[in-house]
Amino acid sequence: MIKQIKKSSLTITLVVVVVLSALLSASVWINPFHYEHGTGDTTNTSARQDTVQSLSDIYKPTEVIVTAPDRSQKLLYDQAKNPVMVVEQQVRKWRLKHLSRVVNNDSTAYLRYLRTENSLMISYPDAVATSIFNQTFNQAVDTSQLKRVNHIVITLTKQPTVYLMADDNYQVYRLTTTKHSLSAIKSSLSGGQQLTVDHKIVNGIPLTTYPHQISLPTLRSTVDHQNLDSTAQTLMASSNVSTVSSQTTSKLITYMAGNSRRMTYNRATGQIQYENYLGKDNSYGTQRLYTHLFNLLADTPTPLEQVQFDNVSLVGQTITYRSFVEGFPIFSNNDYGTVRIKANNDGVERYHLSLLSLGTPLPSSRSNVTLPSTVTVLNALYQAGKGKDIRGLRLGYDWSTSQNKDTVTLTPAYYVYYHGNWVKYQTLLKGD
């Protein structure tokens, strides 16, 4: 009897394992829209997160554009294989040599390289330090010659050439390649979805533009809620302070650890402001700032799987990390899914974050949203007197939370960089 029970138990266990494995595999293959990082463990600790996310995962290109021999361009998304990951894996095997500058302070020539025929271009949301590029792609590009990179262009020719491009001063640097292979990269470009794009320079800023109306799906997602007290303990942890006190009002909950650390939680918006008074200034150079702020990010309770690099202010010593889906940034009025960290160039480290993060976005039952061409958007902004102050324009997704804050609707929209903030263009037109 005991032998029969053990045998039956083993059979049942094996069946359960097989069924669970099949369900998990099916969920991966069925989901046609890929979140930039999988849903992570939201367990909070006071130590560095135990995560597989590396510095290269956080600072990675998000935009993939293929340019045909006739210079027509397509933005790729929802690929079966992630081209950015494939490029990283392949280029790490290459040797990039003979760095030479081919364009400097020439916007016309720079635009021509943005449209390099028969090429693949992967772009960062904002410029990254060349040291970050070197670490990601296992190269040794001279950081004294080229300090930051916005775009990586690879010609899809028999003897590929790599161009590193910096929007600052319209710089283009050429690199020759050895030990190269393009087969895996070309394979990753097939299938998936495409949008027709072009490049323009508006107010001195190179932009990816959409010459025709475009249609993108509305997405939905669950929301992960981190524990407030655990978040406070993680941020306030210090070897010099053993206890954390708190004060509560109708609007705010304030946590304090001695005289150096302070965290304020806004109960209405869900926003968290954290300050660490270090008592000394320390300004970081271009090559060090990105690494330093990544290390601070890794010590926060924010799951690293949920965010990646979005933009930087070298003068303000600040980096914003944001949620993305298929290379498109996700924006929220309350900065949900966003972490902003400022180094202590004025003696204080400052963090801005929230307790909410997204699960894996899936297509919604709602119909696709049709958006106008970029020219239409820009013309409307100029007519409203806003055009001359535009410093960026991109497609993104608008985060709208349900009343119970358990689900999120993500709606595609144009966003404009205006007076230091990303603003939905309809909001800007209304003057809000």
Protein backbone atom coordinates (compact mmCIF):
# COMPACT_ATOMS: atom_id res chain seq x y z
CA MET A 1 0.00 0.00 0.00
CA ILE A 2 2.78 2.47 0.98
CA LYS A 3 4.66 1.70 -2.25
CA GLN A 4 1.49 2.34 -4.26
CA ILE A 5 0.92 5.69 -2.49
CA LYS A 6 4.53 6.77 -3.13
CA LYS A 7 4.25 5.74 -6.77
CA SER A 8 0.95 7.63 -7.18
CA SER A 9 2.37 10.73 -5.46
CA LEU A 10 5.38 10.73 -7.75
CA THR A 11 3.16 10.44 -10.83
CA ILE A 12 0.91 13.29 -9.68
CA THR A 13 3.93 15.50 -8.90
CA LEU A 14 5.40 14.91 -12.35
CA VAL A 15 2.07 15.72 -14.02
CA VAL A 16 1.79 19.00 -12.03
CA VAL A 17 5.34 20.02 -12.97
CA VAL A 18 4.72 19.33 -16.67
CA VAL A 19 1.42 21.27 -16.65
CA LEU A 20 2.99 24.27 -14.88
CA SER A 21 5.93 24.27 -17.29
CA ALA A 22 3.56 24.21 -20.28
CA LEU A 23 1.49 27.08 -18.88
CA LEU A 24 4.56 29.23 -18.22
CA SER A 25 5.93 28.56 -21.70
CA ALA A 26 2.57 29.37 -23.27
CA SER A 27 2.34 32.68 -21.40
CA VAL A 28 5.72 33.73 -22.81
CA TRP A 29 4.88 32.79 -26.41
CA ILE A 30 1.34 34.16 -26.40
CA ASN A 31 2.25 37.60 -25.06
CA PRO A 32 2.96 39.69 -28.18
CA PHE A 33 4.07 42.84 -26.36
CA HIS A 34 7.26 42.69 -24.34
CA TYR A 35 7.97 44.68 -21.22
CA GLU A 36 11.57 45.90 -21.12
CA HIS A 37 12.20 43.95 -17.92
CA GLY A 38 10.21 41.13 -16.36
CA THR A 39 8.29 41.64 -13.17
CA GLY A 40 10.79 41.51 -10.36
CA ASP A 41 10.69 40.46 -6.75
CA THR A 42 9.54 43.43 -4.69
CA THR A 43 10.98 42.12 -1.44
CA ASN A 44 12.80 44.93 0.33
CA THR A 45 16.08 44.56 2.16
CA SER A 46 18.54 47.03 3.57
CA ALA A 47 21.36 45.59 1.45
CA ARG A 48 22.22 45.72 -2.25
CA GLN A 49 19.51 44.04 -4.29
CA ASP A 50 20.08 40.43 -5.19
CA THR A 51 19.32 40.91 -8.90
CA VAL A 52 20.57 39.70 -12.24
CA GLN A 53 20.22 43.22 -13.65
CA SER A 54 23.63 44.70 -14.38
CA LEU A 55 24.76 48.22 -15.17
CA SER A 56 24.59 47.30 -18.87
CA ASP A 57 20.95 46.21 -18.49
CA ILE A 58 20.00 49.55 -16.97
CA TYR A 59 21.96 51.64 -19.49
CA LYS A 60 20.95 50.06 -22.77
CA PRO A 61 19.68 51.38 -26.11
CA THR A 62 15.91 51.33 -26.51
CA GLU A 63 15.26 52.42 -30.12
CA VAL A 64 15.95 50.18 -33.12
CA ILE A 65 15.86 51.63 -36.65
CA VAL A 66 16.75 49.91 -39.92
CA THR A 67 17.69 52.08 -42.91
CA ALA A 68 17.30 50.60 -46.40
CA PRO A 69 19.71 51.23 -49.32
CA ASP A 70 17.36 54.03 -50.49
CA ARG A 71 17.66 55.65 -47.00
CA SER A 72 14.02 54.92 -46.07
CA GLN A 73 13.78 54.09 -42.36
CA LYS A 74 11.70 51.74 -40.23
CA LEU A 75 11.48 51.67 -36.44
CA LEU A 76 11.23 48.05 -35.22
CA TYR A 77 9.35 46.82 -32.16
CA ASP A 78 7.74 43.63 -30.88
CA GLN A 79 10.47 41.50 -32.48
CA ALA A 80 10.65 37.77 -31.73
CA LYS A 81 14.32 38.31 -30.90
CA ASN A 82 15.38 41.52 -29.17
CA PRO A 83 17.78 43.19 -31.66
CA VAL A 84 19.46 45.24 -28.92
CA MET A 85 20.36 42.10 -26.96
CA VAL A 86 21.55 40.35 -30.12
CA VAL A 87 23.73 43.31 -31.10
CA GLU A 88 25.22 43.40 -27.61
CA GLN A 89 26.00 39.68 -27.66
CA GLN A 90 27.58 39.86 -31.12
CA VAL A 91 29.52 43.11 -30.80
CA ARG A 92 31.11 41.90 -27.56
CA LYS A 93 32.92 39.36 -29.78
CA TRP A 94 34.12 42.03 -32.21
CA ARG A 95 37.19 44.22 -31.95
CA LEU A 96 36.46 47.86 -32.76
CA LYS A 97 39.60 49.78 -33.72
CA HIS A 98 40.93 52.98 -35.28
CA LEU A 99 38.56 55.53 -33.78
CA SER A 100 38.47 58.57 -36.07
CA ARG A 101 36.18 61.60 -36.14
CA VAL A 102 34.42 62.14 -39.46
CA VAL A 103 31.89 64.86 -38.52
CA ASN A 104 32.03 67.70 -36.01
CA ASN A 105 29.62 70.63 -35.63
CA ASP A 106 27.98 69.98 -39.01
CA SER A 107 24.24 69.35 -38.65
CA THR A 108 23.73 68.56 -42.36
CA ALA A 109 26.45 65.90 -42.37
CA TYR A 110 25.21 64.57 -39.00
CA LEU A 111 21.71 64.14 -40.41
CA ARG A 112 23.16 62.24 -43.35
CA TYR A 113 24.83 59.75 -40.99
CA LEU A 114 21.57 59.36 -39.06
CA ARG A 115 20.20 58.10 -42.39
CA THR A 116 23.17 55.87 -43.26
CA GLU A 117 22.00 53.57 -46.05
CA ASN A 118 21.79 49.81 -45.49
CA SER A 119 22.38 50.06 -41.75
CA LEU A 120 21.04 49.29 -38.31
CA MET A 121 20.93 52.02 -35.68
CA ILE A 122 20.29 51.46 -32.00
CA SER A 123 19.83 54.59 -29.90
CA TYR A 124 19.88 55.44 -26.20
CA PRO A 125 17.03 57.55 -24.75
CA ASP A 126 19.70 60.14 -23.86
CA ALA A 127 23.48 60.32 -24.17
CA VAL A 128 25.48 57.82 -22.09
CA ALA A 129 29.13 58.03 -21.11
CA THR A 130 31.45 56.26 -23.53
CA SER A 131 32.69 54.19 -20.57
CA ILE A 132 29.16 52.74 -20.35
CA PHE A 133 29.32 51.83 -24.04
CA ASN A 134 32.72 50.18 -23.47
CA GLN A 135 31.45 48.11 -20.56
CA THR A 136 28.25 47.06 -22.36
CA PHE A 137 29.95 46.04 -25.61
CA ASN A 138 33.32 44.92 -24.21
CA GLN A 139 35.30 47.56 -26.10
CA ALA A 140 38.02 50.09 -25.32
CA VAL A 141 36.98 53.28 -27.12
CA ASP A 142 39.06 56.27 -26.01
CA THR A 143 36.85 58.28 -23.63
CA SER A 144 39.11 61.32 -23.94
CA GLN A 145 38.25 61.56 -27.65
CA LEU A 146 34.55 60.76 -27.42
CA LYS A 147 32.92 61.45 -24.07
CA ARG A 148 29.28 60.43 -24.71
CA VAL A 149 27.24 58.37 -27.19
CA ASN A 150 23.63 58.74 -28.39
CA HIS A 151 23.50 56.38 -31.38
CA ILE A 152 25.33 53.27 -32.59
CA VAL A 153 25.15 52.72 -36.35
CA ILE A 154 26.28 49.43 -37.91
CA THR A 155 26.39 49.09 -41.69
CA LEU A 156 24.89 45.79 -42.83
CA THR A 157 27.57 45.27 -45.46
CA LYS A 158 30.11 42.51 -46.06
CA GLN A 159 32.71 44.55 -44.20
CA PRO A 160 30.64 46.38 -41.55
CA THR A 161 31.60 49.79 -40.25
CA VAL A 162 30.51 51.07 -36.84
CA TYR A 163 29.71 54.74 -36.24
CA LEU A 164 29.32 56.22 -32.76
CA MET A 165 27.27 59.41 -32.82
CA ALA A 166 26.87 62.15 -30.21
CA ASP A 167 24.09 64.72 -30.58
CA ASP A 168 26.24 67.23 -28.67
CA ASN A 169 28.14 69.21 -31.31
CA TYR A 170 26.89 66.77 -34.00
CA GLN A 171 29.86 64.41 -33.65
CA VAL A 172 30.33 61.20 -35.66
CA TYR A 173 33.20 58.78 -35.02
CA ARG A 174 34.05 55.82 -37.24
CA LEU A 175 35.41 52.46 -36.09
CA THR A 176 36.63 49.54 -38.16
CA THR A 177 35.71 46.00 -37.18
CA THR A 178 37.48 42.66 -36.96
CA LYS A 179 36.14 39.24 -35.97
CA HIS A 180 32.71 40.34 -37.14
CA SER A 181 29.58 38.39 -38.05
CA LEU A 182 26.24 39.89 -39.04
CA SER A 183 24.11 36.78 -39.53
CA ALA A 184 22.61 36.75 -36.03
CA ILE A 185 22.00 40.51 -36.11
CA LYS A 186 20.24 40.37 -39.50
CA SER A 187 18.13 37.44 -38.30
CA SER A 188 16.88 39.49 -35.31
CA LEU A 189 15.51 42.19 -37.63
CA SER A 190 12.90 40.01 -39.32
CA GLY A 191 9.24 39.77 -38.31
CA GLY A 192 7.74 41.97 -35.62
CA GLN A 193 6.15 45.38 -36.15
CA GLN A 194 7.42 48.42 -38.04
CA LEU A 195 6.73 52.15 -38.12
CA THR A 196 7.94 54.43 -40.91
CA VAL A 197 10.26 57.08 -39.46
CA ASP A 198 12.67 59.78 -40.56
CA HIS A 199 15.19 62.01 -38.82
CA LYS A 200 14.92 65.79 -38.55
CA ILE A 201 16.74 68.46 -36.60
CA VAL A 202 14.29 70.72 -34.74
CA ASN A 203 15.56 73.66 -32.69
CA GLY A 204 19.03 72.16 -33.00
CA ILE A 205 17.90 68.80 -31.56
CA PRO A 206 18.04 65.60 -33.69
CA LEU A 207 14.62 63.89 -33.52
CA THR A 208 13.10 60.62 -34.70
CA THR A 209 9.98 61.75 -36.55
CA TYR A 210 6.91 59.96 -37.93
CA PRO A 211 5.99 61.30 -41.40
CA HIS A 212 2.57 59.59 -41.47
CA GLN A 213 -0.25 58.79 -39.07
CA ILE A 214 0.63 55.85 -36.84
CA SER A 215 -1.39 53.29 -34.92
CA LEU A 216 -0.29 51.66 -31.66
CA PRO A 217 -2.16 49.32 -29.29
CA THR A 218 -3.48 50.33 -25.89
CA LEU A 219 -1.99 48.13 -23.17
CA ARG A 220 -3.06 47.04 -19.71
CA SER A 221 -1.07 45.91 -16.72
CA THR A 222 -1.33 44.98 -13.08
CA VAL A 223 0.41 47.10 -10.44
CA ASP A 224 2.91 45.94 -7.84
CA HIS A 225 2.75 47.76 -4.48
CA GLN A 226 5.83 47.93 -2.30
CA ASN A 227 5.50 48.16 1.46
CA LEU A 228 5.97 51.71 2.78
CA ASP A 229 7.64 50.79 6.08
CA SER A 230 10.00 48.35 4.39
CA THR A 231 10.89 51.03 1.84
CA ALA A 232 11.64 53.46 4.66
CA GLN A 233 13.82 50.94 6.47
CA THR A 234 15.78 50.24 3.29
CA LEU A 235 16.41 53.89 2.45
CA MET A 236 17.03 54.99 6.02
CA ALA A 237 19.35 52.12 6.98
CA SER A 238 22.64 53.39 8.36
CA SER A 239 25.42 51.95 10.50
CA ASN A 240 25.38 55.18 12.52
CA VAL A 241 21.64 55.17 13.32
CA SER A 242 19.86 52.21 14.89
CA THR A 243 16.30 53.57 15.00
CA VAL A 244 13.98 55.31 12.56
CA SER A 245 11.24 57.65 13.83
CA SER A 246 8.17 58.85 11.97
CA GLN A 247 5.59 61.63 12.04
CA THR A 248 2.16 61.46 10.38
CA THR A 249 -0.13 64.24 9.21
CA SER A 250 -3.23 64.18 7.02
CA LYS A 251 -1.09 64.56 3.89
CA LEU A 252 2.41 63.32 4.71
CA ILE A 253 4.29 60.59 6.52
CA THR A 254 7.84 61.66 7.37
CA TYR A 255 10.56 59.23 8.44
CA MET A 256 13.79 60.42 10.08
CA ALA A 257 17.07 58.71 10.94
CA GLY A 258 19.18 61.04 13.04
CA ASN A 259 19.92 64.40 11.47
CA SER A 260 21.17 63.07 8.15
CA ARG A 261 18.39 61.03 6.53
CA ARG A 262 14.82 62.05 5.85
CA MET A 263 12.07 60.42 3.77
CA THR A 264 8.67 61.98 3.04
CA TYR A 265 5.72 60.03 1.64
CA ASN A 266 2.86 61.98 0.06
CA ARG A 267 -0.30 60.02 0.81
CA ALA A 268 -2.30 61.65 -1.99
CA THR A 269 0.17 61.19 -4.86
CA GLY A 270 2.14 58.19 -3.64
CA GLN A 271 5.41 60.05 -4.25
CA ILE A 272 8.47 59.58 -2.06
CA GLN A 273 11.16 62.20 -1.51
CA TYR A 274 14.35 61.02 0.17
CA GLU A 275 17.27 63.18 1.29
CA ASN A 276 20.63 62.11 2.64
CA TYR A 277 22.67 64.99 4.07
CA LEU A 278 26.33 64.08 3.63
CA GLY A 279 27.78 67.42 4.71
CA LYS A 280 30.22 67.63 1.80
CA ASP A 281 29.98 68.37 -1.91
CA ASN A 282 31.18 65.88 -4.49
CA SER A 283 30.69 66.57 -8.20
CA TYR A 284 31.14 63.59 -10.53
CA GLY A 285 32.68 63.72 -13.99
CA THR A 286 30.95 62.40 -17.09
CA GLN A 287 32.51 58.94 -16.99
CA ARG A 288 31.85 58.42 -13.24
CA LEU A 289 28.36 59.89 -12.76
CA TYR A 290 26.43 57.08 -14.49
CA THR A 291 28.16 54.36 -12.48
CA HIS A 292 27.83 56.23 -9.18
CA LEU A 293 24.09 56.79 -9.59
CA PHE A 294 23.56 53.19 -10.73
CA ASN A 295 25.13 52.06 -7.45
CA LEU A 296 22.73 54.31 -5.53
CA LEU A 297 19.80 52.96 -7.56
CA ALA A 298 20.81 49.38 -6.73
CA ASP A 299 20.63 50.24 -3.02
CA THR A 300 17.01 51.40 -3.27
CA PRO A 301 14.03 49.04 -2.90
CA THR A 302 12.93 49.74 -6.50
CA PRO A 303 13.11 46.46 -8.46
CA LEU A 304 15.84 46.97 -11.04
CA GLU A 305 13.89 44.77 -13.45
CA GLN A 306 11.28 47.53 -13.65
CA VAL A 307 13.35 50.52 -14.78
CA GLN A 308 16.16 51.60 -17.08
CA PHE A 309 18.05 54.75 -17.94
CA ASP A 310 15.99 57.52 -19.55
CA ASN A 311 17.75 60.87 -19.30
CA VAL A 312 20.60 62.69 -17.57
CA SER A 313 21.52 66.21 -16.47
CA LEU A 314 25.28 66.50 -16.11
CA VAL A 315 24.96 70.02 -14.70
CA GLY A 316 22.31 68.93 -12.19
CA GLN A 317 24.17 65.64 -11.50
CA THR A 318 20.82 63.86 -11.91
CA ILE A 319 19.67 60.74 -13.76
CA THR A 320 16.07 59.62 -14.32
CA TYR A 321 15.30 55.90 -14.61
CA ARG A 322 11.94 54.97 -16.13
CA SER A 323 9.73 52.03 -17.11
CA PHE A 324 9.65 51.16 -20.83
CA VAL A 325 7.58 48.87 -23.02
CA GLU A 326 8.92 47.83 -26.44
CA GLY A 327 11.38 50.72 -26.36
CA PHE A 328 8.64 53.29 -25.69
CA PRO A 329 8.90 55.23 -22.39
CA ILE A 330 6.03 55.16 -19.90
CA PHE A 331 4.96 58.45 -18.29
CA SER A 332 2.73 59.11 -15.28
CA ASN A 333 1.49 62.39 -13.82
CA ASN A 334 2.64 61.12 -10.42
CA ASP A 335 5.93 59.70 -11.72
CA TYR A 336 4.87 56.11 -11.02
CA GLY A 337 7.42 53.68 -12.40
CA THR A 338 10.09 56.40 -12.33
CA VAL A 339 13.15 56.92 -10.12
CA ARG A 340 15.13 60.17 -10.16
CA ILE A 341 18.44 60.32 -8.28
CA LYS A 342 20.64 63.37 -7.73
CA ALA A 343 24.26 63.11 -6.61
CA ASN A 344 25.51 65.19 -3.69
CA ASN A 345 27.07 68.08 -5.62
CA ASP A 346 25.45 70.38 -3.04
CA GLY A 347 26.09 68.11 -0.06
CA VAL A 348 22.75 66.26 -0.31
CA GLU A 349 21.76 63.11 -2.19
CA ARG A 350 18.13 63.32 -3.31
CA TYR A 351 15.86 60.51 -4.55
CA HIS A 352 12.38 60.79 -6.04
CA LEU A 353 10.42 57.52 -6.44
CA SER A 354 7.10 55.82 -5.73
CA LEU A 355 5.81 52.57 -4.26
CA LEU A 356 4.13 51.48 -7.52
CA SER A 357 5.63 49.53 -10.40
CA LEU A 358 4.15 47.68 -13.37
CA GLY A 359 3.62 44.03 -14.02
CA THR A 360 3.96 42.80 -17.62
CA PRO A 361 1.87 44.95 -20.02
CA LEU A 362 -0.50 43.05 -22.32
CA PRO A 363 -2.65 44.22 -25.25
CA SER A 364 -5.93 45.73 -24.07
CA SER A 365 -9.36 44.91 -25.47
CA ARG A 366 -9.59 48.55 -26.51
CA SER A 367 -8.92 49.44 -30.13
CA ASN A 368 -5.62 50.83 -31.33
CA VAL A 369 -4.95 54.54 -30.93
CA THR A 370 -4.19 56.54 -34.09
CA LEU A 371 -1.75 59.41 -33.66
CA PRO A 372 -1.04 62.21 -36.16
CA SER A 373 2.22 62.68 -38.01
CA THR A 374 5.06 64.49 -36.25
CA VAL A 375 4.73 67.41 -38.68
CA THR A 376 1.09 67.85 -37.62
CA VAL A 377 2.09 67.83 -33.96
CA LEU A 378 4.94 70.31 -34.45
CA ASN A 379 2.78 72.67 -36.54
CA ALA A 380 0.14 72.70 -33.81
CA LEU A 381 2.76 73.46 -31.16
CA TYR A 382 4.26 76.30 -33.21
CA GLN A 383 0.82 77.78 -33.83
CA ALA A 384 0.22 77.69 -30.07
CA GLY A 385 3.46 79.60 -29.50
CA LYS A 386 5.20 76.62 -27.88
CA GLY A 387 7.38 75.46 -30.77
CA LYS A 388 10.56 77.48 -30.15
CA ASP A 389 10.98 76.00 -26.65
CA ILE A 390 10.75 72.34 -27.72
CA ARG A 391 13.90 70.39 -26.84
CA GLY A 392 12.69 66.88 -27.62
CA LEU A 393 9.73 64.89 -28.93
CA ARG A 394 9.05 61.18 -28.64
CA LEU A 395 6.36 58.52 -28.65
CA GLY A 396 5.48 57.12 -25.26
CA TYR A 397 2.74 55.56 -23.18
CA ASP A 398 0.53 57.41 -20.71
CA TRP A 399 -0.02 55.59 -17.37
CA SER A 400 -3.63 55.82 -16.16
CA THR A 401 -4.37 54.02 -12.89
CA SER A 402 -7.76 52.52 -12.01
CA GLN A 403 -9.60 53.80 -8.93
CA ASN A 404 -8.41 50.88 -6.81
CA LYS A 405 -4.85 51.36 -8.18
CA ASP A 406 -4.61 47.64 -8.98
CA THR A 407 -4.62 47.94 -12.77
CA VAL A 408 -3.14 50.38 -15.26
CA THR A 409 -4.13 51.40 -18.76
CA LEU A 410 -1.25 52.45 -21.02
CA THR A 411 -2.28 54.71 -23.89
CA PRO A 412 0.12 55.77 -26.69
CA ALA A 413 0.78 59.51 -26.94
CA TYR A 414 3.31 62.08 -28.13
CA TYR A 415 5.47 63.66 -25.43
CA VAL A 416 7.37 66.94 -25.73
CA TYR A 417 10.43 67.97 -23.71
CA TYR A 418 9.42 71.46 -22.64
CA HIS A 419 11.09 73.61 -19.97
CA GLY A 420 12.85 70.61 -18.42
CA ASN A 421 9.88 68.21 -18.33
CA TRP A 422 8.28 65.61 -20.59
CA VAL A 423 4.72 66.80 -21.21
CA LYS A 424 1.94 65.18 -23.25
CA TYR A 425 1.57 67.38 -26.30
CA GLN A 426 -2.22 67.78 -25.94
CA THR A 427 -1.64 69.04 -22.38
CA LEU A 428 0.87 71.57 -23.70
CA LEU A 429 -1.58 72.77 -26.36
CA LYS A 430 -4.23 73.35 -23.68
CA GLY A 431 -1.77 75.44 -21.70
CA ASP A 432 -2.09 73.26 -18.57
